[in-house]
All heavy atoms as atom14 arrays in JSON, in Angstrom:
{
  "sequence": "KHLDPVIEAIIEKKDLSIVIDGRMARIGKKVSNLDITDDVIDALD",
  "atom14_mask": [
    [1, 1, 1, 1, 1, 1, 1, 1, 1, 0, 0, 0, 0, 0],
    [1, 1, 1, 1, 1, 1, 1, 1, 1, 1, 0, 0, 0, 0],
    [1, 1, 1, 1, 1, 1, 1, 1, 0, 0, 0, 0, 0, 0],
    [1, 1, 1, 1, 1, 1, 1, 1, 0, 0, 0, 0, 0, 0],
    [1, 1, 1, 1, 1, 1, 1, 0, 0, 0, 0, 0, 0, 0],
    [1, 1, 1, 1, 1, 1, 1, 0, 0, 0, 0, 0, 0, 0],
    [1, 1, 1, 1, 1, 1, 1, 1, 0, 0, 0, 0, 0, 0],
    [1, 1, 1, 1, 1, 1, 1, 1, 1, 0, 0, 0, 0, 0],
    [1, 1, 1, 1, 1, 0, 0, 0, 0, 0, 0, 0, 0, 0],
    [1, 1, 1, 1, 1, 1, 1, 1, 0, 0, 0, 0, 0, 0],
    [1, 1, 1, 1, 1, 1, 1, 1, 0, 0, 0, 0, 0, 0],
    [1, 1, 1, 1, 1, 1, 1, 1, 1, 0, 0, 0, 0, 0],
    [1, 1, 1, 1, 1, 1, 1, 1, 1, 0, 0, 0, 0, 0],
    [1, 1, 1, 1, 1, 1, 1, 1, 1, 0, 0, 0, 0, 0],
    [1, 1, 1, 1, 1, 1, 1, 1, 0, 0, 0, 0, 0, 0],
    [1, 1, 1, 1, 1, 1, 1, 1, 0, 0, 0, 0, 0, 0],
    [1, 1, 1, 1, 1, 1, 0, 0, 0, 0, 0, 0, 0, 0],
    [1, 1, 1, 1, 1, 1, 1, 1, 0, 0, 0, 0, 0, 0],
    [1, 1, 1, 1, 1, 1, 1, 0, 0, 0, 0, 0, 0, 0],
    [1, 1, 1, 1, 1, 1, 1, 1, 0, 0, 0, 0, 0, 0],
    [1, 1, 1, 1, 1, 1, 1, 1, 0, 0, 0, 0, 0, 0],
    [1, 1, 1, 1, 0, 0, 0, 0, 0, 0, 0, 0, 0, 0],
    [1, 1, 1, 1, 1, 1, 1, 1, 1, 1, 1, 0, 0, 0],
    [1, 1, 1, 1, 1, 1, 1, 1, 0, 0, 0, 0, 0, 0],
    [1, 1, 1, 1, 1, 0, 0, 0, 0, 0, 0, 0, 0, 0],
    [1, 1, 1, 1, 1, 1, 1, 1, 1, 1, 1, 0, 0, 0],
    [1, 1, 1, 1, 1, 1, 1, 1, 0, 0, 0, 0, 0, 0],
    [1, 1, 1, 1, 0, 0, 0, 0, 0, 0, 0, 0, 0, 0],
    [1, 1, 1, 1, 1, 1, 1, 1, 1, 0, 0, 0, 0, 0],
    [1, 1, 1, 1, 1, 1, 1, 1, 1, 0, 0, 0, 0, 0],
    [1, 1, 1, 1, 1, 1, 1, 0, 0, 0, 0, 0, 0, 0],
    [1, 1, 1, 1, 1, 1, 0, 0, 0, 0, 0, 0, 0, 0],
    [1, 1, 1, 1, 1, 1, 1, 1, 0, 0, 0, 0, 0, 0],
    [1, 1, 1, 1, 1, 1, 1, 1, 0, 0, 0, 0, 0, 0],
    [1, 1, 1, 1, 1, 1, 1, 1, 0, 0, 0, 0, 0, 0],
    [1, 1, 1, 1, 1, 1, 1, 1, 0, 0, 0, 0, 0, 0],
    [1, 1, 1, 1, 1, 1, 1, 0, 0, 0, 0, 0, 0, 0],
    [1, 1, 1, 1, 1, 1, 1, 1, 0, 0, 0, 0, 0, 0],
    [1, 1, 1, 1, 1, 1, 1, 1, 0, 0, 0, 0, 0, 0],
    [1, 1, 1, 1, 1, 1, 1, 0, 0, 0, 0, 0, 0, 0],
    [1, 1, 1, 1, 1, 1, 1, 1, 0, 0, 0, 0, 0, 0],
    [1, 1, 1, 1, 1, 1, 1, 1, 0, 0, 0, 0, 0, 0],
    [1, 1, 1, 1, 1, 0, 0, 0, 0, 0, 0, 0, 0, 0],
    [1, 1, 1, 1, 1, 1, 1, 1, 0, 0, 0, 0, 0, 0],
    [1, 1, 1, 1, 1, 1, 1, 1, 0, 0, 0, 0, 0, 0]
  ],
  "atom14_positions": [
    [[123.94, 149.8, 119.61], [123.52, 149.24, 118.29], [123.02, 150.25, 117.25], [122.94, 149.98, 116.14], [122.4, 148.26, 118.51], [122.89, 146.95, 119.29], [121.74, 145.88, 119.35], [122.18, 144.58, 119.91], [121.19, 143.51, 119.88], [0.0, 0.0, 0.0], [0.0, 0.0, 0.0], [0.0, 0.0, 0.0], [0.0, 0.0, 0.0], [0.0, 0.0, 0.0]],
    [[122.67, 151.46, 117.76], [121.99, 152.45, 116.89], [122.67, 153.88, 116.96], [123.12, 154.29, 115.89], [120.55, 152.56, 117.19], [119.79, 151.23, 117.2], [119.46, 150.63, 116.0], [119.28, 150.48, 118.26], [118.94, 149.45, 116.2], [118.76, 149.39, 117.53], [0.0, 0.0, 0.0], [0.0, 0.0, 0.0], [0.0, 0.0, 0.0], [0.0, 0.0, 0.0]],
    [[122.83, 154.44, 118.09], [123.32, 155.8, 118.18], [124.81, 155.91, 117.75], [125.11, 156.74, 116.95], [123.16, 156.36, 119.6], [123.69, 157.78, 119.79], [123.02, 158.71, 118.81], [123.42, 158.2, 121.24], [0.0, 0.0, 0.0], [0.0, 0.0, 0.0], [0.0, 0.0, 0.0], [0.0, 0.0, 0.0], [0.0, 0.0, 0.0], [0.0, 0.0, 0.0]],
    [[125.65, 155.05, 118.35], [127.09, 155.06, 118.0], [127.27, 154.84, 116.5], [128.12, 155.63, 115.84], [127.9, 154.03, 118.87], [128.06, 154.45, 120.34], [127.62, 155.63, 120.54], [128.41, 153.71, 121.11], [0.0, 0.0, 0.0], [0.0, 0.0, 0.0], [0.0, 0.0, 0.0], [0.0, 0.0, 0.0], [0.0, 0.0, 0.0], [0.0, 0.0, 0.0]],
    [[126.66, 153.85, 115.87], [126.79, 153.62, 114.48], [126.48, 154.78, 113.62], [126.96, 155.2, 112.61], [126.05, 152.41, 114.15], [126.02, 151.55, 115.47], [125.88, 152.68, 116.5], [0.0, 0.0, 0.0], [0.0, 0.0, 0.0], [0.0, 0.0, 0.0], [0.0, 0.0, 0.0], [0.0, 0.0, 0.0], [0.0, 0.0, 0.0], [0.0, 0.0, 0.0]],
    [[125.27, 155.47, 114.11], [124.8, 156.69, 113.3], [125.8, 157.81, 113.39], [126.0, 158.39, 112.33], [123.36, 157.1, 113.95], [123.09, 158.5, 113.51], [122.33, 156.27, 113.44], [0.0, 0.0, 0.0], [0.0, 0.0, 0.0], [0.0, 0.0, 0.0], [0.0, 0.0, 0.0], [0.0, 0.0, 0.0], [0.0, 0.0, 0.0], [0.0, 0.0, 0.0]],
    [[126.28, 158.1, 114.57], [127.24, 159.08, 114.7], [128.53, 158.74, 113.83], [129.13, 159.69, 113.21], [127.7, 159.32, 116.2], [126.47, 159.87, 116.98], [128.92, 160.26, 116.36], [126.65, 160.09, 118.44], [0.0, 0.0, 0.0], [0.0, 0.0, 0.0], [0.0, 0.0, 0.0], [0.0, 0.0, 0.0], [0.0, 0.0, 0.0], [0.0, 0.0, 0.0]],
    [[128.99, 157.56, 113.94], [130.21, 157.14, 113.14], [129.95, 157.3, 111.61], [130.77, 157.8, 110.94], [130.57, 155.69, 113.5], [131.1, 155.53, 114.95], [131.12, 154.14, 115.37], [130.84, 153.18, 114.51], [131.52, 153.9, 116.53], [0.0, 0.0, 0.0], [0.0, 0.0, 0.0], [0.0, 0.0, 0.0], [0.0, 0.0, 0.0], [0.0, 0.0, 0.0]],
    [[128.71, 157.02, 111.22], [128.5, 157.14, 109.79], [128.43, 158.55, 109.34], [128.85, 158.89, 108.17], [127.13, 156.45, 109.5], [0.0, 0.0, 0.0], [0.0, 0.0, 0.0], [0.0, 0.0, 0.0], [0.0, 0.0, 0.0], [0.0, 0.0, 0.0], [0.0, 0.0, 0.0], [0.0, 0.0, 0.0], [0.0, 0.0, 0.0], [0.0, 0.0, 0.0]],
    [[127.86, 159.44, 110.19], [127.87, 160.87, 109.92], [129.23, 161.5, 109.97], [129.67, 162.27, 109.09], [126.9, 161.63, 110.94], [125.52, 161.23, 110.77], [127.1, 163.14, 110.82], [124.52, 161.87, 111.7], [0.0, 0.0, 0.0], [0.0, 0.0, 0.0], [0.0, 0.0, 0.0], [0.0, 0.0, 0.0], [0.0, 0.0, 0.0], [0.0, 0.0, 0.0]],
    [[130.14, 160.94, 110.8], [131.52, 161.42, 110.84], [132.19, 161.05, 109.53], [132.9, 161.88, 108.95], [132.22, 160.76, 112.11], [131.81, 161.37, 113.39], [133.75, 160.96, 111.9], [132.41, 160.71, 114.65], [0.0, 0.0, 0.0], [0.0, 0.0, 0.0], [0.0, 0.0, 0.0], [0.0, 0.0, 0.0], [0.0, 0.0, 0.0], [0.0, 0.0, 0.0]],
    [[132.0, 159.87, 109.11], [132.56, 159.33, 107.86], [131.98, 160.2, 106.62], [132.68, 160.59, 105.71], [132.33, 157.91, 107.58], [133.02, 157.3, 106.4], [132.77, 155.83, 106.24], [132.13, 155.28, 107.17], [133.17, 155.3, 105.22], [0.0, 0.0, 0.0], [0.0, 0.0, 0.0], [0.0, 0.0, 0.0], [0.0, 0.0, 0.0], [0.0, 0.0, 0.0]],
    [[130.77, 160.41, 106.62], [130.09, 161.09, 105.54], [130.48, 162.49, 105.41], [130.78, 163.06, 104.27], [128.6, 160.95, 105.56], [127.78, 161.55, 104.36], [126.3, 161.27, 104.44], [125.67, 161.8, 103.25], [124.2, 161.53, 103.14], [0.0, 0.0, 0.0], [0.0, 0.0, 0.0], [0.0, 0.0, 0.0], [0.0, 0.0, 0.0], [0.0, 0.0, 0.0]],
    [[130.61, 163.09, 106.51], [131.08, 164.56, 106.55], [132.64, 164.76, 106.68], [133.14, 165.84, 106.59], [130.52, 165.29, 107.75], [129.0, 165.49, 107.65], [128.4, 166.23, 108.89], [126.94, 166.55, 108.75], [126.7, 167.68, 107.74], [0.0, 0.0, 0.0], [0.0, 0.0, 0.0], [0.0, 0.0, 0.0], [0.0, 0.0, 0.0], [0.0, 0.0, 0.0]],
    [[133.27, 163.59, 106.74], [134.76, 163.5, 106.81], [135.23, 164.48, 107.87], [136.13, 165.29, 107.83], [135.33, 164.08, 105.45], [136.87, 163.79, 105.35], [137.39, 162.9, 106.11], [137.51, 164.59, 104.64], [0.0, 0.0, 0.0], [0.0, 0.0, 0.0], [0.0, 0.0, 0.0], [0.0, 0.0, 0.0], [0.0, 0.0, 0.0], [0.0, 0.0, 0.0]],
    [[134.68, 164.11, 109.08], [134.98, 164.93, 110.28], [136.19, 164.46, 110.95], [136.49, 163.27, 111.0], [133.82, 164.89, 111.28], [132.49, 165.53, 110.8], [131.39, 165.25, 111.78], [132.73, 166.98, 110.51], [0.0, 0.0, 0.0], [0.0, 0.0, 0.0], [0.0, 0.0, 0.0], [0.0, 0.0, 0.0], [0.0, 0.0, 0.0], [0.0, 0.0, 0.0]],
    [[137.06, 165.38, 111.54], [138.25, 164.94, 112.28], [137.92, 164.77, 113.75], [138.46, 163.88, 114.39], [139.24, 166.14, 112.22], [139.55, 166.45, 110.84], [0.0, 0.0, 0.0], [0.0, 0.0, 0.0], [0.0, 0.0, 0.0], [0.0, 0.0, 0.0], [0.0, 0.0, 0.0], [0.0, 0.0, 0.0], [0.0, 0.0, 0.0], [0.0, 0.0, 0.0]],
    [[136.85, 165.46, 114.23], [136.58, 165.34, 115.64], [135.23, 165.88, 115.91], [134.64, 166.74, 115.32], [137.66, 166.2, 116.59], [137.31, 165.92, 118.05], [137.57, 167.56, 116.18], [138.46, 166.53, 119.0], [0.0, 0.0, 0.0], [0.0, 0.0, 0.0], [0.0, 0.0, 0.0], [0.0, 0.0, 0.0], [0.0, 0.0, 0.0], [0.0, 0.0, 0.0]],
    [[134.54, 165.12, 116.82], [133.14, 165.52, 117.26], [133.24, 165.78, 118.76], [133.68, 164.95, 119.51], [132.17, 164.38, 116.98], [130.76, 164.88, 117.53], [132.0, 164.23, 115.4], [0.0, 0.0, 0.0], [0.0, 0.0, 0.0], [0.0, 0.0, 0.0], [0.0, 0.0, 0.0], [0.0, 0.0, 0.0], [0.0, 0.0, 0.0], [0.0, 0.0, 0.0]],
    [[132.75, 167.03, 119.17], [132.84, 167.38, 120.56], [131.5, 167.41, 121.12], [130.48, 167.75, 120.56], [133.48, 168.82, 120.65], [134.92, 168.82, 120.01], [133.52, 169.29, 122.09], [135.43, 170.2, 119.89], [0.0, 0.0, 0.0], [0.0, 0.0, 0.0], [0.0, 0.0, 0.0], [0.0, 0.0, 0.0], [0.0, 0.0, 0.0], [0.0, 0.0, 0.0]],
    [[131.38, 167.03, 122.46], [130.16, 167.05, 123.24], [129.64, 168.54, 123.28], [130.35, 169.29, 123.95], [130.21, 166.46, 124.63], [128.96, 166.38, 125.33], [127.95, 167.02, 125.0], [128.84, 165.55, 126.17], [0.0, 0.0, 0.0], [0.0, 0.0, 0.0], [0.0, 0.0, 0.0], [0.0, 0.0, 0.0], [0.0, 0.0, 0.0], [0.0, 0.0, 0.0]],
    [[128.57, 168.92, 122.71], [128.07, 170.25, 122.77], [127.75, 170.9, 124.06], [127.77, 172.09, 124.19], [0.0, 0.0, 0.0], [0.0, 0.0, 0.0], [0.0, 0.0, 0.0], [0.0, 0.0, 0.0], [0.0, 0.0, 0.0], [0.0, 0.0, 0.0], [0.0, 0.0, 0.0], [0.0, 0.0, 0.0], [0.0, 0.0, 0.0], [0.0, 0.0, 0.0]],
    [[127.58, 170.04, 125.06], [127.36, 170.57, 126.35], [128.48, 171.22, 127.01], [128.3, 172.01, 127.9], [126.7, 169.47, 127.24], [125.42, 168.84, 126.9], [125.04, 167.64, 127.58], [126.03, 166.5, 127.37], [125.92, 165.32, 127.96], [124.91, 165.1, 128.76], [126.8, 164.35, 127.74], [0.0, 0.0, 0.0], [0.0, 0.0, 0.0], [0.0, 0.0, 0.0]],
    [[129.71, 170.72, 126.5], [130.85, 171.38, 127.08], [131.53, 172.37, 126.17], [132.49, 173.13, 126.55], [131.83, 170.23, 127.32], [131.21, 169.12, 128.22], [132.4, 167.71, 128.45], [131.45, 166.67, 129.48], [0.0, 0.0, 0.0], [0.0, 0.0, 0.0], [0.0, 0.0, 0.0], [0.0, 0.0, 0.0], [0.0, 0.0, 0.0], [0.0, 0.0, 0.0]],
    [[131.08, 172.46, 125.0], [131.67, 173.41, 123.97], [131.29, 174.77, 124.22], [130.18, 175.07, 124.69], [131.25, 172.97, 122.56], [0.0, 0.0, 0.0], [0.0, 0.0, 0.0], [0.0, 0.0, 0.0], [0.0, 0.0, 0.0], [0.0, 0.0, 0.0], [0.0, 0.0, 0.0], [0.0, 0.0, 0.0], [0.0, 0.0, 0.0], [0.0, 0.0, 0.0]],
    [[132.14, 175.7, 123.96], [131.96, 177.15, 124.11], [132.26, 177.76, 122.72], [133.4, 177.74, 122.31], [132.79, 177.77, 125.2], [132.54, 177.23, 126.58], [131.17, 177.71, 127.04], [130.81, 177.41, 128.32], [130.27, 176.2, 128.7], [129.95, 175.37, 127.74], [129.99, 175.76, 129.88], [0.0, 0.0, 0.0], [0.0, 0.0, 0.0], [0.0, 0.0, 0.0]],
    [[131.1, 178.26, 122.07], [131.33, 178.73, 120.72], [131.26, 180.3, 120.74], [130.33, 180.89, 121.22], [130.08, 178.16, 119.82], [130.21, 176.66, 119.93], [130.31, 178.62, 118.45], [128.96, 176.05, 119.36], [0.0, 0.0, 0.0], [0.0, 0.0, 0.0], [0.0, 0.0, 0.0], [0.0, 0.0, 0.0], [0.0, 0.0, 0.0], [0.0, 0.0, 0.0]],
    [[132.32, 180.84, 120.24], [132.42, 182.29, 120.21], [131.55, 182.97, 119.15], [131.08, 184.12, 119.39], [0.0, 0.0, 0.0], [0.0, 0.0, 0.0], [0.0, 0.0, 0.0], [0.0, 0.0, 0.0], [0.0, 0.0, 0.0], [0.0, 0.0, 0.0], [0.0, 0.0, 0.0], [0.0, 0.0, 0.0], [0.0, 0.0, 0.0], [0.0, 0.0, 0.0]],
    [[131.3, 182.37, 118.08], [130.5, 182.94, 117.03], [129.84, 181.84, 116.2], [130.23, 180.78, 116.21], [131.41, 183.85, 116.07], [132.48, 183.07, 115.33], [133.26, 183.99, 114.46], [134.43, 183.29, 113.79], [135.24, 184.24, 112.88], [0.0, 0.0, 0.0], [0.0, 0.0, 0.0], [0.0, 0.0, 0.0], [0.0, 0.0, 0.0], [0.0, 0.0, 0.0]],
    [[128.86, 182.27, 115.48], [128.05, 181.24, 114.65], [128.89, 180.73, 113.51], [129.6, 181.38, 112.76], [126.86, 181.9, 114.0], [125.96, 180.93, 113.2], [124.68, 181.61, 112.75], [123.85, 180.65, 111.81], [123.46, 179.48, 112.67], [0.0, 0.0, 0.0], [0.0, 0.0, 0.0], [0.0, 0.0, 0.0], [0.0, 0.0, 0.0], [0.0, 0.0, 0.0]],
    [[128.95, 179.42, 113.44], [129.7, 178.82, 112.42], [128.73, 177.83, 111.76], [128.2, 176.95, 112.34], [130.89, 177.89, 112.95], [131.69, 177.18, 111.92], [131.79, 178.87, 113.77], [0.0, 0.0, 0.0], [0.0, 0.0, 0.0], [0.0, 0.0, 0.0], [0.0, 0.0, 0.0], [0.0, 0.0, 0.0], [0.0, 0.0, 0.0], [0.0, 0.0, 0.0]],
    [[128.65, 177.85, 110.42], [127.65, 177.04, 109.62], [128.1, 175.56, 109.73], [129.32, 175.2, 109.7], [127.47, 177.56, 108.22], [128.81, 177.39, 107.58], [0.0, 0.0, 0.0], [0.0, 0.0, 0.0], [0.0, 0.0, 0.0], [0.0, 0.0, 0.0], [0.0, 0.0, 0.0], [0.0, 0.0, 0.0], [0.0, 0.0, 0.0], [0.0, 0.0, 0.0]],
    [[127.16, 174.68, 109.8], [127.33, 173.27, 109.83], [128.15, 172.74, 110.91], [128.72, 171.63, 110.78], [127.95, 172.84, 108.44], [127.12, 173.25, 107.18], [125.94, 173.09, 107.28], [127.91, 173.68, 106.19], [0.0, 0.0, 0.0], [0.0, 0.0, 0.0], [0.0, 0.0, 0.0], [0.0, 0.0, 0.0], [0.0, 0.0, 0.0], [0.0, 0.0, 0.0]],
    [[128.22, 173.51, 112.06], [129.07, 172.95, 113.12], [128.24, 171.96, 114.01], [128.86, 170.89, 114.39], [129.44, 174.18, 114.12], [130.25, 173.85, 115.23], [131.62, 173.22, 114.93], [130.51, 175.08, 116.16], [0.0, 0.0, 0.0], [0.0, 0.0, 0.0], [0.0, 0.0, 0.0], [0.0, 0.0, 0.0], [0.0, 0.0, 0.0], [0.0, 0.0, 0.0]],
    [[126.94, 172.27, 114.26], [126.17, 171.39, 115.08], [125.48, 170.38, 114.24], [124.73, 170.57, 113.43], [125.08, 172.3, 115.78], [124.43, 171.55, 116.93], [124.31, 170.23, 116.89], [123.97, 172.11, 117.94], [0.0, 0.0, 0.0], [0.0, 0.0, 0.0], [0.0, 0.0, 0.0], [0.0, 0.0, 0.0], [0.0, 0.0, 0.0], [0.0, 0.0, 0.0]],
    [[125.79, 169.05, 114.58], [125.24, 167.95, 113.81], [124.14, 167.19, 114.55], [123.74, 166.12, 114.25], [126.3, 166.84, 113.42], [126.96, 166.22, 114.63], [127.35, 167.59, 112.42], [127.82, 165.1, 114.33], [0.0, 0.0, 0.0], [0.0, 0.0, 0.0], [0.0, 0.0, 0.0], [0.0, 0.0, 0.0], [0.0, 0.0, 0.0], [0.0, 0.0, 0.0]],
    [[123.68, 167.78, 115.65], [122.7, 167.11, 116.52], [121.44, 166.8, 115.8], [120.9, 165.62, 115.88], [122.39, 168.02, 117.73], [123.57, 168.41, 118.44], [121.39, 167.34, 118.6], [0.0, 0.0, 0.0], [0.0, 0.0, 0.0], [0.0, 0.0, 0.0], [0.0, 0.0, 0.0], [0.0, 0.0, 0.0], [0.0, 0.0, 0.0], [0.0, 0.0, 0.0]],
    [[120.84, 167.76, 115.0], [119.66, 167.5, 114.37], [119.79, 166.32, 113.36], [118.89, 165.38, 113.19], [119.11, 168.69, 113.61], [118.54, 169.61, 114.68], [118.28, 169.27, 115.78], [118.47, 170.95, 114.35], [0.0, 0.0, 0.0], [0.0, 0.0, 0.0], [0.0, 0.0, 0.0], [0.0, 0.0, 0.0], [0.0, 0.0, 0.0], [0.0, 0.0, 0.0]],
    [[121.03, 166.29, 112.71], [121.28, 165.21, 111.69], [121.22, 163.84, 112.42], [120.84, 162.86, 111.88], [122.7, 165.52, 111.08], [122.65, 166.66, 110.08], [121.54, 166.96, 109.59], [123.76, 167.23, 109.94], [0.0, 0.0, 0.0], [0.0, 0.0, 0.0], [0.0, 0.0, 0.0], [0.0, 0.0, 0.0], [0.0, 0.0, 0.0], [0.0, 0.0, 0.0]],
    [[121.87, 163.81, 113.61], [122.01, 162.61, 114.37], [120.56, 162.07, 114.8], [120.12, 160.93, 114.63], [122.86, 162.78, 115.62], [122.8, 161.57, 116.53], [124.24, 162.98, 115.27], [0.0, 0.0, 0.0], [0.0, 0.0, 0.0], [0.0, 0.0, 0.0], [0.0, 0.0, 0.0], [0.0, 0.0, 0.0], [0.0, 0.0, 0.0], [0.0, 0.0, 0.0]],
    [[119.72, 163.13, 115.29], [118.34, 162.71, 115.78], [117.53, 162.23, 114.48], [116.82, 161.15, 114.62], [117.66, 163.94, 116.27], [118.25, 164.33, 117.6], [116.1, 163.72, 116.56], [117.84, 165.62, 118.21], [0.0, 0.0, 0.0], [0.0, 0.0, 0.0], [0.0, 0.0, 0.0], [0.0, 0.0, 0.0], [0.0, 0.0, 0.0], [0.0, 0.0, 0.0]],
    [[117.66, 162.92, 113.38], [116.8, 162.39, 112.16], [117.36, 161.04, 111.76], [116.37, 160.15, 111.4], [117.08, 163.42, 111.09], [116.35, 164.76, 111.29], [115.52, 164.77, 112.16], [116.72, 165.77, 110.57], [0.0, 0.0, 0.0], [0.0, 0.0, 0.0], [0.0, 0.0, 0.0], [0.0, 0.0, 0.0], [0.0, 0.0, 0.0], [0.0, 0.0, 0.0]],
    [[118.77, 160.78, 111.75], [119.13, 159.49, 111.34], [118.77, 158.34, 112.31], [118.43, 157.25, 111.96], [120.6, 159.53, 111.11], [0.0, 0.0, 0.0], [0.0, 0.0, 0.0], [0.0, 0.0, 0.0], [0.0, 0.0, 0.0], [0.0, 0.0, 0.0], [0.0, 0.0, 0.0], [0.0, 0.0, 0.0], [0.0, 0.0, 0.0], [0.0, 0.0, 0.0]],
    [[118.85, 158.77, 113.62], [118.5, 157.75, 114.63], [116.99, 157.34, 114.48], [116.68, 156.26, 114.72], [118.88, 158.28, 116.0], [118.64, 157.34, 117.29], [119.39, 156.14, 117.11], [118.89, 158.11, 118.54], [0.0, 0.0, 0.0], [0.0, 0.0, 0.0], [0.0, 0.0, 0.0], [0.0, 0.0, 0.0], [0.0, 0.0, 0.0], [0.0, 0.0, 0.0]],
    [[116.2, 158.44, 114.31], [114.74, 158.18, 114.26], [114.45, 157.2, 112.93], [113.59, 156.39, 113.02], [113.92, 159.51, 114.07], [113.87, 160.23, 115.36], [114.24, 159.69, 116.38], [113.52, 161.39, 115.29], [0.0, 0.0, 0.0], [0.0, 0.0, 0.0], [0.0, 0.0, 0.0], [0.0, 0.0, 0.0], [0.0, 0.0, 0.0], [0.0, 0.0, 0.0]]
  ]
}
């Protein structure tokens, strides 16, 4: 009722193609605006 709709809304707002579980992602270098976790937490709160 809350988390999935929030993530879907952020995907739509940012026009994202894909969202990956960060626990499994391996990032080679810093990429700006890649991690949306804090955005999700703020919106969920």
